């Protein structure tokens, strides 16, 4: 296969995880006796690394407090929140069409690897991917820039033949820093200005349009 290798973000790109993530953030802040923004405000934090989000919401740099919040979050998330989630309309068809063009497809997410693997398996998406990559214990690869660099250094991907598909600026920026082309997924949590401003090579309005976008980049 001579097509590109395609990396897919998970939250906001393959699945709509808003309900579970916002409920778990609310749970974590509540356990610490902190006020919580409304759901629409919380949804703007979906995508970037969770430690940074909790630091912002708690208005603290205290590692112990951030880790305490993270522990409360994960207690609920690993039991319940993980599956308060749904696959976006058109994603299965998108993956089928992309598979006909791509040399390989991978999931690359800032979500902890164990959670990403469970979600991809639960929603029967695993068959599409040659591998799932995510954050590791202790914060390793929390930053997607570091995760993509690791994939390049490990010879999992080649930057010049890879395309990242993601819905937030952090996906696009991580790709561009590593010399990878990037497509902004407008059906997720980011908006056109955020994705274009981050340097997306292309914006895609619906999952079913991705294959055409990949062909345009290849053209």
N, C-alpha and C. Protein backbone atom coordinates (compact mmCIF):
# COMPACT_ATOMS: atom_id res chain seq x y z
N UNK A 1 0.85 -1.19 0.00
CA UNK A 1 0.00 0.00 0.00
C UNK A 1 0.89 1.25 0.00
N UNK A 2 0.62 2.17 -0.90
CA UNK A 2 1.48 3.34 -1.04
C UNK A 2 0.84 4.60 -0.48
N UNK A 3 -0.36 4.51 0.08
CA UNK A 3 -1.03 5.68 0.62
C UNK A 3 -0.40 6.13 1.93
N UNK A 4 -0.99 7.16 2.56
CA UNK A 4 -0.43 7.68 3.80
C UNK A 4 -0.73 6.77 4.98
N UNK A 5 0.05 6.92 6.02
CA UNK A 5 -0.31 6.41 7.34
C UNK A 5 -1.19 7.47 7.99
N UNK A 6 -2.31 7.06 8.56
CA UNK A 6 -3.26 8.02 9.13
C UNK A 6 -3.38 7.79 10.63
N UNK A 7 -3.14 8.86 11.39
CA UNK A 7 -3.30 8.85 12.84
C UNK A 7 -4.61 9.52 13.19
N UNK A 8 -5.41 8.87 14.02
CA UNK A 8 -6.68 9.44 14.47
C UNK A 8 -6.62 9.75 15.96
N UNK A 9 -6.99 10.97 16.31
CA UNK A 9 -7.30 11.29 17.69
C UNK A 9 -8.53 10.48 18.09
N UNK A 10 -8.79 10.37 19.40
CA UNK A 10 -9.95 9.58 19.86
C UNK A 10 -11.11 10.48 20.27
N UNK A 11 -10.99 11.19 21.41
CA UNK A 11 -12.07 12.05 21.87
C UNK A 11 -12.31 13.20 20.90
N UNK A 12 -13.54 13.32 20.42
CA UNK A 12 -13.87 14.42 19.52
C UNK A 12 -13.55 14.14 18.07
N UNK A 13 -12.99 12.97 17.79
CA UNK A 13 -12.66 12.61 16.41
C UNK A 13 -13.30 11.27 16.04
N UNK A 14 -13.10 10.27 16.85
CA UNK A 14 -13.77 8.99 16.64
C UNK A 14 -15.03 8.88 17.49
N UNK A 15 -14.96 9.35 18.73
CA UNK A 15 -16.12 9.25 19.62
C UNK A 15 -16.44 10.58 20.28
N UNK A 16 -17.73 10.75 20.59
CA UNK A 16 -18.21 11.92 21.32
C UNK A 16 -18.27 11.53 22.79
N UNK A 17 -17.25 11.90 23.52
CA UNK A 17 -17.09 11.49 24.92
C UNK A 17 -17.48 12.59 25.90
N UNK A 18 -18.19 13.59 25.40
CA UNK A 18 -18.52 14.76 26.23
C UNK A 18 -19.22 14.37 27.54
N UNK A 19 -20.24 13.53 27.47
CA UNK A 19 -21.03 13.22 28.66
C UNK A 19 -20.16 12.62 29.76
N UNK A 20 -19.33 11.64 29.41
CA UNK A 20 -18.51 10.98 30.41
C UNK A 20 -17.42 11.87 30.97
N UNK A 21 -16.74 12.61 30.11
CA UNK A 21 -15.63 13.45 30.57
C UNK A 21 -16.12 14.58 31.45
N UNK A 22 -17.19 15.26 31.04
CA UNK A 22 -17.67 16.38 31.85
C UNK A 22 -18.21 15.88 33.20
N UNK A 23 -18.89 14.73 33.21
CA UNK A 23 -19.40 14.20 34.48
C UNK A 23 -18.26 13.83 35.41
N UNK A 24 -17.17 13.30 34.86
CA UNK A 24 -16.04 12.90 35.69
C UNK A 24 -15.25 14.10 36.20
N UNK A 25 -15.14 15.15 35.42
CA UNK A 25 -14.51 16.38 35.92
C UNK A 25 -15.36 16.96 37.04
N UNK A 26 -16.67 16.99 36.85
CA UNK A 26 -17.57 17.50 37.87
C UNK A 26 -17.44 16.68 39.17
N UNK A 27 -17.34 15.37 39.01
CA UNK A 27 -17.16 14.48 40.17
C UNK A 27 -15.86 14.80 40.90
N UNK A 28 -14.77 14.97 40.15
CA UNK A 28 -13.47 15.23 40.77
C UNK A 28 -13.46 16.55 41.52
N UNK A 29 -14.01 17.59 40.92
CA UNK A 29 -14.03 18.90 41.57
C UNK A 29 -14.94 18.86 42.80
N UNK A 30 -16.07 18.16 42.68
CA UNK A 30 -16.98 18.04 43.80
C UNK A 30 -16.35 17.33 44.98
N UNK A 31 -15.58 16.28 44.73
CA UNK A 31 -14.92 15.55 45.82
C UNK A 31 -13.91 16.42 46.55
N UNK A 32 -13.40 17.43 45.85
CA UNK A 32 -12.43 18.35 46.46
C UNK A 32 -13.10 19.62 46.98
N UNK A 33 -14.44 19.67 46.90
CA UNK A 33 -15.17 20.82 47.41
C UNK A 33 -15.01 22.07 46.59
N UNK A 34 -14.73 21.89 45.30
CA UNK A 34 -14.53 23.05 44.42
C UNK A 34 -15.75 23.28 43.53
N UNK A 35 -15.98 24.54 43.20
CA UNK A 35 -17.05 24.89 42.27
C UNK A 35 -16.70 24.38 40.87
N UNK A 36 -17.73 24.13 40.08
CA UNK A 36 -17.51 23.57 38.74
C UNK A 36 -18.25 24.40 37.70
N UNK A 37 -17.60 24.70 36.57
CA UNK A 37 -18.31 25.39 35.48
C UNK A 37 -19.44 24.52 34.93
N UNK A 38 -20.31 25.13 34.12
CA UNK A 38 -21.40 24.34 33.53
C UNK A 38 -20.85 23.43 32.44
N UNK A 39 -21.71 22.54 31.93
CA UNK A 39 -21.25 21.50 31.00
C UNK A 39 -20.67 22.08 29.73
N UNK A 40 -21.28 23.15 29.20
CA UNK A 40 -20.77 23.74 27.97
C UNK A 40 -19.36 24.29 28.17
N UNK A 41 -19.11 24.89 29.33
CA UNK A 41 -17.76 25.39 29.62
C UNK A 41 -16.79 24.23 29.78
N UNK A 42 -17.22 23.18 30.47
CA UNK A 42 -16.34 22.03 30.65
C UNK A 42 -15.98 21.38 29.32
N UNK A 43 -16.92 21.38 28.39
CA UNK A 43 -16.68 20.73 27.09
C UNK A 43 -15.53 21.38 26.33
N UNK A 44 -15.24 22.63 26.61
CA UNK A 44 -14.14 23.30 25.90
C UNK A 44 -12.78 22.74 26.32
N UNK A 45 -12.75 21.99 27.42
CA UNK A 45 -11.49 21.42 27.90
C UNK A 45 -11.23 20.01 27.38
N UNK A 46 -12.17 19.45 26.63
CA UNK A 46 -11.99 18.09 26.14
C UNK A 46 -10.94 18.08 25.04
N UNK A 47 -9.98 17.21 25.18
CA UNK A 47 -8.94 17.08 24.15
C UNK A 47 -7.55 17.25 24.71
N UNK A 48 -7.22 18.43 25.25
CA UNK A 48 -5.87 18.61 25.81
C UNK A 48 -5.65 17.71 27.02
N UNK A 49 -4.38 17.54 27.44
CA UNK A 49 -4.08 16.65 28.57
C UNK A 49 -4.86 17.02 29.83
N UNK A 50 -5.33 16.00 30.53
CA UNK A 50 -6.22 16.20 31.67
C UNK A 50 -5.54 16.90 32.84
N UNK A 51 -4.26 16.61 33.06
CA UNK A 51 -3.57 17.28 34.18
C UNK A 51 -3.60 18.80 33.99
N UNK A 52 -3.39 19.26 32.77
CA UNK A 52 -3.43 20.69 32.51
C UNK A 52 -4.82 21.27 32.71
N UNK A 53 -5.84 20.52 32.29
CA UNK A 53 -7.22 20.96 32.48
C UNK A 53 -7.55 21.09 33.96
N UNK A 54 -7.18 20.09 34.75
CA UNK A 54 -7.47 20.13 36.18
C UNK A 54 -6.69 21.24 36.87
N UNK A 55 -5.47 21.47 36.43
CA UNK A 55 -4.68 22.58 36.98
C UNK A 55 -5.40 23.91 36.74
N UNK A 56 -5.92 24.08 35.54
CA UNK A 56 -6.64 25.32 35.21
C UNK A 56 -7.92 25.45 36.02
N UNK A 57 -8.71 24.39 36.08
CA UNK A 57 -10.00 24.45 36.78
C UNK A 57 -9.82 24.63 38.28
N UNK A 58 -8.75 24.07 38.83
CA UNK A 58 -8.48 24.22 40.26
C UNK A 58 -7.68 25.48 40.57
N UNK A 59 -7.20 26.14 39.52
CA UNK A 59 -6.36 27.33 39.67
C UNK A 59 -5.18 27.04 40.59
N UNK A 60 -4.47 25.97 40.26
CA UNK A 60 -3.33 25.57 41.10
C UNK A 60 -2.23 24.94 40.25
N UNK A 61 -1.02 25.03 40.75
CA UNK A 61 0.11 24.30 40.18
C UNK A 61 0.59 23.21 41.14
N UNK A 62 -0.13 23.02 42.24
CA UNK A 62 0.25 22.06 43.26
C UNK A 62 0.10 20.64 42.73
N UNK A 63 1.22 19.92 42.51
CA UNK A 63 1.13 18.57 41.93
C UNK A 63 0.27 17.62 42.76
N UNK A 64 0.33 17.73 44.09
CA UNK A 64 -0.43 16.82 44.94
C UNK A 64 -1.93 17.03 44.74
N UNK A 65 -2.36 18.29 44.65
CA UNK A 65 -3.78 18.58 44.46
C UNK A 65 -4.25 18.13 43.08
N UNK A 66 -3.41 18.35 42.08
CA UNK A 66 -3.76 17.93 40.72
C UNK A 66 -3.87 16.41 40.66
N UNK A 67 -2.94 15.70 41.27
CA UNK A 67 -2.99 14.24 41.25
C UNK A 67 -4.18 13.71 42.05
N UNK A 68 -4.57 14.40 43.13
CA UNK A 68 -5.74 13.99 43.89
C UNK A 68 -7.00 14.12 43.03
N UNK A 69 -7.10 15.23 42.30
CA UNK A 69 -8.24 15.43 41.41
C UNK A 69 -8.25 14.38 40.31
N UNK A 70 -7.07 14.08 39.79
CA UNK A 70 -6.96 13.08 38.73
C UNK A 70 -7.40 11.71 39.23
N UNK A 71 -7.04 11.37 40.47
CA UNK A 71 -7.45 10.09 41.04
C UNK A 71 -8.96 10.01 41.18
N UNK A 72 -9.60 11.10 41.64
CA UNK A 72 -11.06 11.11 41.74
C UNK A 72 -11.69 10.97 40.36
N UNK A 73 -11.13 11.68 39.39
CA UNK A 73 -11.64 11.60 38.02
C UNK A 73 -11.58 10.16 37.51
N UNK A 74 -10.44 9.53 37.67
CA UNK A 74 -10.24 8.20 37.08
C UNK A 74 -11.05 7.13 37.80
N UNK A 75 -11.30 7.32 39.09
CA UNK A 75 -12.12 6.35 39.80
C UNK A 75 -13.49 6.24 39.15
N UNK A 76 -14.09 7.38 38.84
CA UNK A 76 -15.40 7.34 38.18
C UNK A 76 -15.28 6.98 36.71
N UNK A 77 -14.25 7.52 36.06
CA UNK A 77 -14.12 7.31 34.62
C UNK A 77 -13.90 5.84 34.28
N UNK A 78 -13.02 5.18 35.00
CA UNK A 78 -12.70 3.78 34.69
C UNK A 78 -13.86 2.84 34.96
N UNK A 79 -14.79 3.27 35.82
CA UNK A 79 -15.93 2.42 36.17
C UNK A 79 -17.16 2.74 35.33
N UNK A 80 -17.42 4.02 35.10
CA UNK A 80 -18.67 4.46 34.47
C UNK A 80 -18.43 5.36 33.25
N UNK A 81 -17.63 6.40 33.45
CA UNK A 81 -17.51 7.45 32.45
C UNK A 81 -16.95 7.00 31.12
N UNK A 82 -16.12 5.97 31.16
CA UNK A 82 -15.50 5.45 29.94
C UNK A 82 -16.52 5.15 28.85
N UNK A 83 -17.69 4.66 29.27
CA UNK A 83 -18.68 4.21 28.29
C UNK A 83 -19.86 5.18 28.16
N UNK A 84 -19.78 6.33 28.82
CA UNK A 84 -20.74 7.41 28.59
C UNK A 84 -20.26 8.15 27.34
N UNK A 85 -20.43 7.55 26.22
CA UNK A 85 -19.66 7.84 25.02
C UNK A 85 -20.41 7.27 23.82
N UNK A 86 -20.16 7.80 22.65
CA UNK A 86 -20.77 7.23 21.44
C UNK A 86 -19.87 7.49 20.25
N UNK A 87 -19.93 6.60 19.28
CA UNK A 87 -19.20 6.79 18.03
C UNK A 87 -19.94 7.82 17.19
N UNK A 88 -19.23 8.78 16.64
CA UNK A 88 -19.87 9.79 15.78
C UNK A 88 -20.49 9.13 14.55
N UNK A 89 -21.61 9.70 14.14
CA UNK A 89 -22.24 9.26 12.90
C UNK A 89 -21.23 9.38 11.75
N UNK A 90 -21.13 8.35 10.95
CA UNK A 90 -20.25 8.37 9.78
C UNK A 90 -18.84 7.87 10.04
N UNK A 91 -18.47 7.67 11.32
CA UNK A 91 -17.11 7.23 11.61
C UNK A 91 -16.81 5.82 11.09
N UNK A 92 -17.70 4.83 11.28
CA UNK A 92 -17.39 3.51 10.71
C UNK A 92 -17.17 3.56 9.20
N UNK A 93 -18.02 4.32 8.50
CA UNK A 93 -17.85 4.45 7.05
C UNK A 93 -16.55 5.19 6.72
N UNK A 94 -16.19 6.19 7.53
CA UNK A 94 -14.94 6.92 7.34
C UNK A 94 -13.74 5.97 7.45
N UNK A 95 -13.77 5.11 8.46
CA UNK A 95 -12.65 4.20 8.66
C UNK A 95 -12.57 3.16 7.55
N UNK A 96 -13.71 2.67 7.08
CA UNK A 96 -13.70 1.73 5.96
C UNK A 96 -13.10 2.39 4.71
N UNK A 97 -13.53 3.63 4.43
CA UNK A 97 -13.04 4.32 3.24
C UNK A 97 -11.56 4.66 3.37
N UNK A 98 -11.14 5.08 4.55
CA UNK A 98 -9.74 5.43 4.77
C UNK A 98 -8.85 4.21 4.64
N UNK A 99 -9.34 3.07 5.11
CA UNK A 99 -8.55 1.83 5.02
C UNK A 99 -8.22 1.47 3.59
N UNK A 100 -9.07 1.87 2.66
CA UNK A 100 -8.82 1.57 1.25
C UNK A 100 -7.74 2.48 0.66
N UNK A 101 -7.43 3.57 1.36
CA UNK A 101 -6.44 4.53 0.87
C UNK A 101 -5.12 4.46 1.63
N UNK A 102 -5.20 4.06 2.90
CA UNK A 102 -4.04 4.20 3.79
C UNK A 102 -3.18 2.95 3.81
N UNK A 103 -1.89 3.17 4.08
CA UNK A 103 -1.00 2.02 4.28
C UNK A 103 -1.21 1.43 5.66
N UNK A 104 -1.60 2.28 6.63
CA UNK A 104 -1.91 1.82 7.99
C UNK A 104 -2.65 2.93 8.72
N UNK A 105 -3.42 2.54 9.74
CA UNK A 105 -4.13 3.51 10.56
C UNK A 105 -3.84 3.20 12.03
N UNK A 106 -3.66 4.27 12.82
CA UNK A 106 -3.39 4.14 14.25
C UNK A 106 -4.26 5.14 15.01
N UNK A 107 -4.55 4.84 16.25
CA UNK A 107 -5.11 5.82 17.19
C UNK A 107 -3.95 6.44 17.95
N UNK A 108 -3.94 7.78 18.03
CA UNK A 108 -2.92 8.51 18.79
C UNK A 108 -3.66 9.53 19.65
N UNK A 109 -3.73 9.29 20.95
CA UNK A 109 -4.55 10.09 21.84
C UNK A 109 -3.79 10.50 23.09
N UNK A 110 -4.20 11.61 23.69
CA UNK A 110 -3.65 12.04 24.97
C UNK A 110 -4.31 11.30 26.13
N UNK A 111 -5.36 10.54 25.83
CA UNK A 111 -6.04 9.74 26.86
C UNK A 111 -5.11 8.62 27.32
N UNK A 112 -5.20 8.21 28.59
CA UNK A 112 -4.39 7.07 29.04
C UNK A 112 -4.59 5.85 28.14
N UNK A 113 -3.50 5.17 27.87
CA UNK A 113 -3.54 4.07 26.91
C UNK A 113 -4.54 3.00 27.31
N UNK A 114 -4.59 2.64 28.60
CA UNK A 114 -5.50 1.56 29.01
C UNK A 114 -6.95 1.92 28.73
N UNK A 115 -7.30 3.21 28.91
CA UNK A 115 -8.67 3.64 28.64
C UNK A 115 -8.95 3.66 27.15
N UNK A 116 -7.99 4.14 26.37
CA UNK A 116 -8.17 4.19 24.91
C UNK A 116 -8.38 2.80 24.34
N UNK A 117 -7.61 1.84 24.80
CA UNK A 117 -7.74 0.46 24.31
C UNK A 117 -9.13 -0.08 24.64
N UNK A 118 -9.62 0.17 25.85
CA UNK A 118 -10.95 -0.31 26.23
C UNK A 118 -12.04 0.32 25.38
N UNK A 119 -11.93 1.60 25.11
CA UNK A 119 -12.96 2.29 24.32
C UNK A 119 -12.96 1.78 22.88
N UNK A 120 -11.80 1.70 22.27
CA UNK A 120 -11.70 1.24 20.88
C UNK A 120 -12.23 -0.19 20.76
N UNK A 121 -11.96 -1.00 21.76
CA UNK A 121 -12.48 -2.36 21.74
C UNK A 121 -13.97 -2.42 21.97
N UNK A 122 -14.46 -1.64 22.94
CA UNK A 122 -15.89 -1.64 23.28
C UNK A 122 -16.76 -1.26 22.10
N UNK A 123 -16.31 -0.30 21.32
CA UNK A 123 -17.11 0.18 20.19
C UNK A 123 -16.76 -0.51 18.88
N UNK A 124 -16.03 -1.61 18.95
CA UNK A 124 -15.71 -2.44 17.79
C UNK A 124 -14.98 -1.66 16.71
N UNK A 125 -14.08 -0.79 17.14
CA UNK A 125 -13.27 -0.03 16.19
C UNK A 125 -11.87 -0.62 16.04
N UNK A 126 -11.49 -1.51 16.94
CA UNK A 126 -10.12 -2.00 16.99
C UNK A 126 -9.69 -2.67 15.70
N UNK A 127 -10.63 -3.30 15.00
CA UNK A 127 -10.28 -4.02 13.77
C UNK A 127 -9.72 -3.11 12.69
N UNK A 128 -9.96 -1.80 12.82
CA UNK A 128 -9.49 -0.86 11.78
C UNK A 128 -8.02 -0.47 11.98
N UNK A 129 -7.47 -0.70 13.17
CA UNK A 129 -6.20 -0.06 13.51
C UNK A 129 -5.06 -1.06 13.69
N UNK A 130 -3.89 -0.64 13.22
CA UNK A 130 -2.69 -1.44 13.42
C UNK A 130 -2.13 -1.27 14.82
N UNK A 131 -2.59 -0.26 15.55
CA UNK A 131 -2.13 -0.05 16.92
C UNK A 131 -2.86 1.12 17.55
N UNK A 132 -2.88 1.14 18.88
CA UNK A 132 -3.46 2.22 19.66
C UNK A 132 -2.37 2.76 20.58
N UNK A 133 -2.15 4.08 20.54
CA UNK A 133 -1.10 4.71 21.35
C UNK A 133 -1.72 5.84 22.17
N UNK A 134 -1.29 5.92 23.43
CA UNK A 134 -1.81 6.96 24.31
C UNK A 134 -0.85 7.27 25.43
N UNK A 135 -1.34 8.07 26.38
CA UNK A 135 -0.50 8.46 27.52
C UNK A 135 -0.22 7.26 28.41
N UNK A 136 0.95 7.28 29.03
CA UNK A 136 1.38 6.19 29.90
C UNK A 136 1.48 6.66 31.35
N UNK A 137 1.54 5.76 32.30
CA UNK A 137 1.57 6.15 33.72
C UNK A 137 2.67 7.16 34.02
N UNK A 138 2.35 8.09 34.94
CA UNK A 138 3.32 9.10 35.34
C UNK A 138 3.35 10.31 34.44
N UNK A 139 2.46 10.36 33.45
CA UNK A 139 2.38 11.53 32.57
C UNK A 139 3.19 11.41 31.30
N UNK A 140 3.85 10.26 31.08
CA UNK A 140 4.60 10.09 29.83
C UNK A 140 3.63 10.10 28.65
N UNK A 141 3.90 10.94 27.68
CA UNK A 141 3.10 11.13 26.48
C UNK A 141 1.76 11.81 26.75
N UNK A 142 1.61 12.48 27.90
CA UNK A 142 0.44 13.35 28.09
C UNK A 142 0.38 14.38 26.96
N UNK A 143 1.54 14.87 26.58
CA UNK A 143 1.62 15.84 25.48
C UNK A 143 1.67 15.09 24.15
N UNK A 144 0.74 15.39 23.27
CA UNK A 144 0.69 14.67 22.00
C UNK A 144 1.93 14.92 21.16
N UNK A 145 2.55 16.07 21.32
CA UNK A 145 3.81 16.33 20.62
C UNK A 145 4.84 15.25 20.95
N UNK A 146 4.92 14.90 22.22
CA UNK A 146 5.88 13.86 22.65
C UNK A 146 5.48 12.48 22.13
N UNK A 147 4.18 12.21 22.12
CA UNK A 147 3.71 10.91 21.63
C UNK A 147 4.05 10.72 20.16
N UNK A 148 3.79 11.75 19.35
CA UNK A 148 4.08 11.62 17.92
C UNK A 148 5.58 11.53 17.67
N UNK A 149 6.35 12.28 18.44
CA UNK A 149 7.81 12.18 18.31
C UNK A 149 8.28 10.76 18.62
N UNK A 150 7.68 10.16 19.64
CA UNK A 150 8.02 8.78 20.01
C UNK A 150 7.69 7.81 18.87
N UNK A 151 6.55 8.00 18.23
CA UNK A 151 6.16 7.11 17.13
C UNK A 151 7.13 7.22 15.96
N UNK A 152 7.63 8.42 15.73
CA UNK A 152 8.62 8.61 14.67
C UNK A 152 9.95 7.96 15.07
N UNK A 153 10.40 8.24 16.29
CA UNK A 153 11.68 7.71 16.75
C UNK A 153 11.67 6.18 16.82
N UNK A 154 10.49 5.60 17.07
CA UNK A 154 10.36 4.14 17.18
C UNK A 154 10.11 3.48 15.83
N UNK A 155 10.12 4.27 14.76
CA UNK A 155 9.88 3.77 13.41
C UNK A 155 8.49 3.16 13.23
N UNK A 156 7.52 3.58 14.06
CA UNK A 156 6.13 3.18 13.85
C UNK A 156 5.56 3.93 12.65
N UNK A 157 5.93 5.21 12.52
CA UNK A 157 5.49 6.04 11.41
C UNK A 157 6.66 6.80 10.84
N UNK A 158 6.48 7.30 9.61
CA UNK A 158 7.41 8.25 9.00
C UNK A 158 6.67 9.57 8.84
N UNK A 159 7.25 10.64 9.34
CA UNK A 159 6.55 11.93 9.36
C UNK A 159 6.08 12.35 7.98
N UNK A 160 6.93 12.14 6.98
CA UNK A 160 6.63 12.66 5.64
C UNK A 160 5.50 11.91 4.95
N UNK A 161 5.14 10.73 5.44
CA UNK A 161 4.06 9.96 4.80
C UNK A 161 2.86 9.77 5.73
N UNK A 162 2.79 10.62 6.78
CA UNK A 162 1.74 10.47 7.78
C UNK A 162 0.83 11.68 7.80
N UNK A 163 -0.45 11.45 8.11
CA UNK A 163 -1.44 12.51 8.28
C UNK A 163 -2.12 12.32 9.63
N UNK A 164 -2.19 13.40 10.42
CA UNK A 164 -2.90 13.38 11.70
C UNK A 164 -4.29 13.94 11.49
N UNK A 165 -5.31 13.26 12.05
CA UNK A 165 -6.69 13.75 12.00
C UNK A 165 -7.14 14.00 13.43
N UNK A 166 -7.46 15.24 13.74
CA UNK A 166 -7.87 15.57 15.10
C UNK A 166 -8.74 16.81 15.15
N UNK A 167 -9.40 17.01 16.28
CA UNK A 167 -10.41 18.07 16.38
C UNK A 167 -9.97 19.27 17.21
N UNK A 168 -8.77 19.23 17.82
CA UNK A 168 -8.34 20.34 18.65
C UNK A 168 -6.99 20.87 18.18
N UNK A 169 -6.70 22.11 18.58
CA UNK A 169 -5.44 22.73 18.20
C UNK A 169 -4.25 21.89 18.63
N UNK A 170 -4.36 21.23 19.79
CA UNK A 170 -3.24 20.42 20.29
C UNK A 170 -2.89 19.28 19.33
N UNK A 171 -3.89 18.73 18.63
CA UNK A 171 -3.62 17.69 17.64
C UNK A 171 -2.83 18.26 16.47
N UNK A 172 -3.28 19.41 16.01
CA UNK A 172 -2.67 20.03 14.82
C UNK A 172 -1.25 20.50 15.13
N UNK A 173 -1.10 21.18 16.26
CA UNK A 173 0.23 21.69 16.64
C UNK A 173 1.22 20.55 16.83
N UNK A 174 0.79 19.48 17.50
CA UNK A 174 1.68 18.33 17.69
C UNK A 174 2.13 17.75 16.37
N UNK A 175 1.20 17.66 15.42
CA UNK A 175 1.56 17.15 14.09
C UNK A 175 2.56 18.06 13.40
N UNK A 176 2.29 19.34 13.39
CA UNK A 176 3.14 20.27 12.64
C UNK A 176 4.55 20.34 13.24
N UNK A 177 4.66 20.30 14.57
CA UNK A 177 5.98 20.32 15.21
C UNK A 177 6.80 19.11 14.78
N UNK A 178 6.11 18.01 14.53
CA UNK A 178 6.80 16.78 14.14
C UNK A 178 6.86 16.56 12.63
N UNK A 179 6.52 17.60 11.84
CA UNK A 179 6.64 17.50 10.39
C UNK A 179 5.58 16.63 9.75
N UNK A 180 4.42 16.51 10.41
CA UNK A 180 3.32 15.68 9.92
C UNK A 180 2.19 16.58 9.41
N UNK A 181 1.60 16.22 8.30
CA UNK A 181 0.44 16.95 7.81
C UNK A 181 -0.76 16.69 8.71
N UNK A 182 -1.71 17.64 8.73
CA UNK A 182 -2.82 17.53 9.68
C UNK A 182 -4.13 17.98 9.06
N UNK A 183 -5.18 17.22 9.38
CA UNK A 183 -6.54 17.55 8.96
C UNK A 183 -7.36 17.84 10.21
N UNK A 184 -8.03 18.99 10.23
CA UNK A 184 -8.88 19.36 11.35
C UNK A 184 -10.28 18.78 11.20
N UNK A 185 -10.73 18.06 12.22
CA UNK A 185 -12.05 17.42 12.21
C UNK A 185 -13.08 18.37 12.80
N UNK A 186 -13.88 18.98 11.95
CA UNK A 186 -14.83 20.00 12.40
C UNK A 186 -16.05 19.42 13.10
N UNK A 187 -16.24 18.11 13.08
CA UNK A 187 -17.38 17.53 13.78
C UNK A 187 -17.11 17.35 15.27
N UNK A 188 -15.88 17.65 15.72
CA UNK A 188 -15.51 17.47 17.12
C UNK A 188 -15.69 18.72 17.94
N UNK A 189 -14.77 18.95 18.89
CA UNK A 189 -14.93 20.01 19.88
C UNK A 189 -14.25 21.32 19.50
N UNK A 190 -13.37 21.29 18.53
CA UNK A 190 -12.71 22.51 18.10
C UNK A 190 -13.54 23.26 17.08
N UNK A 191 -13.20 24.51 16.83
CA UNK A 191 -13.91 25.29 15.81
C UNK A 191 -12.96 25.61 14.66
N UNK A 192 -13.50 26.09 13.53
CA UNK A 192 -12.64 26.33 12.36
C UNK A 192 -11.48 27.29 12.64
N UNK A 193 -11.75 28.34 13.43
CA UNK A 193 -10.69 29.29 13.72
C UNK A 193 -9.56 28.67 14.52
N UNK A 194 -9.91 27.84 15.50
CA UNK A 194 -8.90 27.17 16.32
C UNK A 194 -8.02 26.26 15.47
N UNK A 195 -8.65 25.48 14.61
CA UNK A 195 -7.92 24.49 13.82
C UNK A 195 -7.09 25.14 12.72
N UNK A 196 -7.69 26.12 12.04
CA UNK A 196 -6.94 26.83 10.99
C UNK A 196 -5.78 27.61 11.61
N UNK A 197 -6.04 28.25 12.75
CA UNK A 197 -5.00 29.01 13.42
C UNK A 197 -3.83 28.16 13.88
N UNK A 198 -4.12 26.89 14.18
CA UNK A 198 -3.07 25.97 14.61
C UNK A 198 -2.23 25.45 13.44
N UNK A 199 -2.72 25.70 12.21
CA UNK A 199 -1.94 25.32 11.03
C UNK A 199 -2.43 24.10 10.29
N UNK A 200 -3.72 23.73 10.46
CA UNK A 200 -4.24 22.57 9.75
C UNK A 200 -4.06 22.73 8.24
N UNK A 201 -3.64 21.67 7.59
CA UNK A 201 -3.49 21.69 6.13
C UNK A 201 -4.84 21.68 5.43
N UNK A 202 -5.85 21.16 6.12
CA UNK A 202 -7.18 20.99 5.53
C UNK A 202 -8.17 20.89 6.67
N UNK A 203 -9.38 21.42 6.46
CA UNK A 203 -10.47 21.25 7.42
C UNK A 203 -11.53 20.34 6.80
N UNK A 204 -12.06 19.43 7.59
CA UNK A 204 -13.02 18.44 7.09
C UNK A 204 -14.30 18.57 7.91
N UNK A 205 -15.44 18.74 7.23
CA UNK A 205 -16.69 19.04 7.92
C UNK A 205 -17.39 17.80 8.46
N UNK A 206 -17.20 16.64 7.87
CA UNK A 206 -17.94 15.45 8.27
C UNK A 206 -17.06 14.22 8.07
N UNK A 207 -17.21 13.20 8.93
CA UNK A 207 -16.38 12.02 8.75
C UNK A 207 -16.41 11.43 7.34
N UNK A 208 -17.56 11.45 6.71
CA UNK A 208 -17.66 10.85 5.38
C UNK A 208 -16.88 11.61 4.31
N UNK A 209 -16.40 12.81 4.65
CA UNK A 209 -15.64 13.61 3.70
C UNK A 209 -14.13 13.43 3.85
N UNK A 210 -13.72 12.62 4.82
CA UNK A 210 -12.28 12.52 5.10
C UNK A 210 -11.51 11.88 3.96
N UNK A 211 -12.04 10.83 3.36
CA UNK A 211 -11.32 10.16 2.29
C UNK A 211 -11.02 11.12 1.14
N UNK A 212 -11.99 11.98 0.82
CA UNK A 212 -11.76 12.98 -0.22
C UNK A 212 -10.67 13.96 0.20
N UNK A 213 -10.66 14.32 1.48
CA UNK A 213 -9.62 15.20 1.98
C UNK A 213 -8.24 14.60 1.90
N UNK A 214 -8.13 13.33 2.21
CA UNK A 214 -6.84 12.63 2.09
C UNK A 214 -6.37 12.61 0.65
N UNK A 215 -7.30 12.39 -0.26
CA UNK A 215 -6.93 12.40 -1.70
C UNK A 215 -6.43 13.78 -2.11
N UNK A 216 -7.06 14.85 -1.59
CA UNK A 216 -6.62 16.20 -1.90
C UNK A 216 -5.21 16.46 -1.41
N UNK A 217 -4.90 16.01 -0.20
CA UNK A 217 -3.55 16.19 0.32
C UNK A 217 -2.53 15.43 -0.51
N UNK A 218 -2.93 14.27 -0.98
CA UNK A 218 -2.02 13.45 -1.78
C UNK A 218 -1.83 14.01 -3.18
N UNK A 219 -2.84 14.81 -3.62
CA UNK A 219 -2.86 15.28 -5.00
C UNK A 219 -1.75 16.18 -5.36
